[in-house]
C-alpha atoms as a PDB file:
ATOM      1  CA  MET A   1       0.005   0.006   0.002  1.00  0.00           C
ATOM      2  CA  SER A   2       2.807   2.432   0.736  1.00  0.00           C
ATOM      3  CA  ASP A   3       3.997   2.554  -2.879  1.00  0.00           C
ATOM      4  CA  ASP A   4       0.457   3.229  -4.120  1.00  0.00           C
ATOM      5  CA  ILE A   5      -0.038   6.107  -1.696  1.00  0.00           C
ATOM      6  CA  ILE A   6       3.390   7.600  -2.387  1.00  0.00           C
ATOM      7  CA  ASN A   7       2.927   7.335  -6.161  1.00  0.00           C
ATOM      8  CA  PHE A   8      -0.560   8.856  -5.980  1.00  0.00           C
ATOM      9  CA  LEU A   9       0.506  11.750  -3.760  1.00  0.00           C
ATOM     10  CA  GLY A  10       3.735  12.254  -5.705  1.00  0.00           C
ATOM     11  CA  GLU A  11       1.830  12.730  -8.943  1.00  0.00           C
ATOM     12  CA  LYS A  12      -0.545  15.196  -7.296  1.00  0.00           C
ATOM     13  CA  LEU A  13       2.335  17.098  -5.687  1.00  0.00           C
ATOM     14  CA  ALA A  14       4.248  17.260  -8.978  1.00  0.00           C
ATOM     15  CA  ILE A  15       1.348  18.981 -10.693  1.00  0.00           C
ATOM     16  CA  LYS A  16       0.792  21.358  -7.809  1.00  0.00           C
ATOM     17  CA  ILE A  17       4.404  22.564  -7.480  1.00  0.00           C
ATOM     18  CA  ASN A  18       5.481  22.015 -11.102  1.00  0.00           C
ATOM     19  CA  LYS A  19       8.358  19.651 -10.323  1.00  0.00           C
ATOM     20  CA  PRO A  20       9.159  16.144 -11.652  1.00  0.00           C
ATOM     21  CA  ALA A  21       7.019  13.404 -10.149  1.00  0.00           C
ATOM     22  CA  ILE A  22      10.050  11.311  -9.192  1.00  0.00           C
ATOM     23  CA  ALA A  23      11.429  14.182  -7.109  1.00  0.00           C
ATOM     24  CA  CYS A  24       8.056  14.727  -5.450  1.00  0.00           C
ATOM     25  CA  LYS A  25       7.759  11.060  -4.556  1.00  0.00           C
ATOM     26  CA  GLY A  26      11.206  11.313  -2.987  1.00  0.00           C
ATOM     27  CA  LEU A  27      10.140  14.319  -0.918  1.00  0.00           C
ATOM     28  CA  ILE A  28       7.140  12.390   0.344  1.00  0.00           C
ATOM     29  CA  ARG A  29       9.266   9.332   1.189  1.00  0.00           C
ATOM     30  CA  LEU A  30      11.788  11.464   3.057  1.00  0.00           C
ATOM     31  CA  GLY A  31       9.006  13.229   4.970  1.00  0.00           C
ATOM     32  CA  ILE A  32       7.564   9.869   6.002  1.00  0.00           C
ATOM     33  CA  LYS A  33      10.976   8.550   7.007  1.00  0.00           C
ATOM     34  CA  GLU A  34      11.612  11.669   9.057  1.00  0.00           C
ATOM     35  CA  ASP A  35       8.339  11.231  10.944  1.00  0.00           C
ATOM     36  CA  HIS A  36       8.115   7.428  11.166  1.00  0.00           C
ATOM     37  CA  GLY A  37      11.535   5.946  10.430  1.00  0.00           C
ATOM     38  CA  ASP A  38      10.517   4.039   7.289  1.00  0.00           C
ATOM     39  CA  THR A  39       7.776   3.631   4.720  1.00  0.00           C
ATOM     40  CA  LEU A  40       6.805   0.130   5.779  1.00  0.00           C
ATOM     41  CA  ASP A  41       3.432  -0.499   7.430  1.00  0.00           C
ATOM     42  CA  LEU A  42       2.029   2.889   6.506  1.00  0.00           C
ATOM     43  CA  THR A  43      -1.431   3.798   7.654  1.00  0.00           C
ATOM     44  CA  PHE A  44      -3.523   6.693   6.453  1.00  0.00           C
ATOM     45  CA  GLU A  45      -3.042   8.389   9.808  1.00  0.00           C
ATOM     46  CA  LYS A  46       0.747   8.146   9.492  1.00  0.00           C
ATOM     47  CA  VAL A  47       0.625   9.567   5.975  1.00  0.00           C
ATOM     48  CA  LYS A  48      -1.651  12.390   7.081  1.00  0.00           C
ATOM     49  CA  LYS A  49       0.727  13.243   9.925  1.00  0.00           C
ATOM     50  CA  SER A  50       3.696  13.217   7.548  1.00  0.00           C
ATOM     51  CA  ILE A  51       1.983  15.535   5.087  1.00  0.00           C
ATOM     52  CA  LYS A  52       1.370  18.025   7.876  1.00  0.00           C
ATOM     53  CA  SER A  53       4.825  17.677   9.398  1.00  0.00           C
ATOM     54  CA  GLY A  54       7.768  16.134   7.490  1.00  0.00           C
ATOM     55  CA  LEU A  55       6.576  16.972   3.977  1.00  0.00           C
ATOM     56  CA  LYS A  56       5.579  20.510   4.877  1.00  0.00           C
ATOM     57  CA  LYS A  57       9.018  21.101   6.366  1.00  0.00           C
ATOM     58  CA  ARG A  58      10.676  19.815   3.208  1.00  0.00           C
ATOM     59  CA  LEU A  59       8.479  21.962   0.978  1.00  0.00           C
ATOM     60  CA  ASP A  60       9.411  24.988   3.065  1.00  0.00           C
ATOM     61  CA  ASN A  61      13.099  24.064   2.760  1.00  0.00           C
ATOM     62  CA  ILE A  62      12.970  23.991  -1.043  1.00  0.00           C
ATOM     63  CA  GLY A  63      11.161  27.330  -1.181  1.00  0.00           C
ATOM     64  CA  VAL A  64       7.553  26.368  -1.922  1.00  0.00           C
ATOM     65  CA  PHE A  65       5.891  29.570  -0.728  1.00  0.00           C
ATOM     66  CA  ASN A  66       2.389  28.113  -0.369  1.00  0.00           C
ATOM     67  CA  SER A  67       3.375  24.894   1.390  1.00  0.00           C
ATOM     68  CA  SER A  68       0.377  24.987   3.745  1.00  0.00           C
ATOM     69  CA  GLU A  69      -2.021  25.250   0.830  1.00  0.00           C
ATOM     70  CA  VAL A  70      -0.228  22.442  -1.009  1.00  0.00           C
ATOM     71  CA  CYS A  71      -0.324  20.179   2.069  1.00  0.00           C
ATOM     72  CA  ASN A  72      -4.030  20.904   2.607  1.00  0.00           C
ATOM     73  CA  TYR A  73      -4.658  19.971  -1.032  1.00  0.00           C
ATOM     74  CA  LEU A  74      -2.761  16.685  -0.606  1.00  0.00           C
ATOM     75  CA  LEU A  75      -4.702  15.895   2.575  1.00  0.00           C
ATOM     76  CA  LYS A  76      -8.003  16.452   0.762  1.00  0.00           C
ATOM     77  CA  GLU A  77      -6.866  14.245  -2.122  1.00  0.00           C
ATOM     78  CA  LEU A  78      -5.754  11.518   0.279  1.00  0.00           C
ATOM     79  CA  VAL A  79      -9.055  11.512   2.168  1.00  0.00           C
ATOM     80  CA  SER A  80     -11.150  11.738  -1.004  1.00  0.00           C
ATOM     81  CA  ASN A  81      -9.371   8.775  -2.563  1.00  0.00           C
ATOM     82  CA  GLN A  82      -8.849   6.651   0.534  1.00  0.00           C
ATOM     83  CA  SER A  83     -11.213   3.893  -0.582  1.00  0.00           C
ATOM     84  CA  LEU A  84      -9.653   3.747  -4.077  1.00  0.00           C
ATOM     85  CA  LEU A  85      -6.155   3.502  -2.618  1.00  0.00           C
ATOM     86  CA  THR A  86      -7.280   0.764  -0.255  1.00  0.00           C
ATOM     87  CA  MET A  87      -8.948  -1.180  -3.087  1.00  0.00           C
ATOM     88  CA  ALA A  88      -5.770  -0.979  -5.188  1.00  0.00           C
ATOM     89  CA  ASN A  89      -4.145  -3.455  -2.822  1.00  0.00           C
ATOM     90  CA  PHE A  90      -6.582  -6.280  -3.485  1.00  0.00           C
END
């Protein structure tokens, strides 16, 4: 499930900040690792926390001026697509 969530959010983030998807996926992975130590056994709550914390910090560090808005967008996308992301694992 972690790869599906990271890929999904990475694609959304790439569009929002106009950066390559691969780099955005890396930012998300690093944010998760900063908050939780690894990307194994991810839950939606862990991902939500990482978007608000680790990812936001990384976006601020690379100069994304509207990082709060971007993170709120990603949170809405995550919640809106939670059932689809869960179903992708079956």
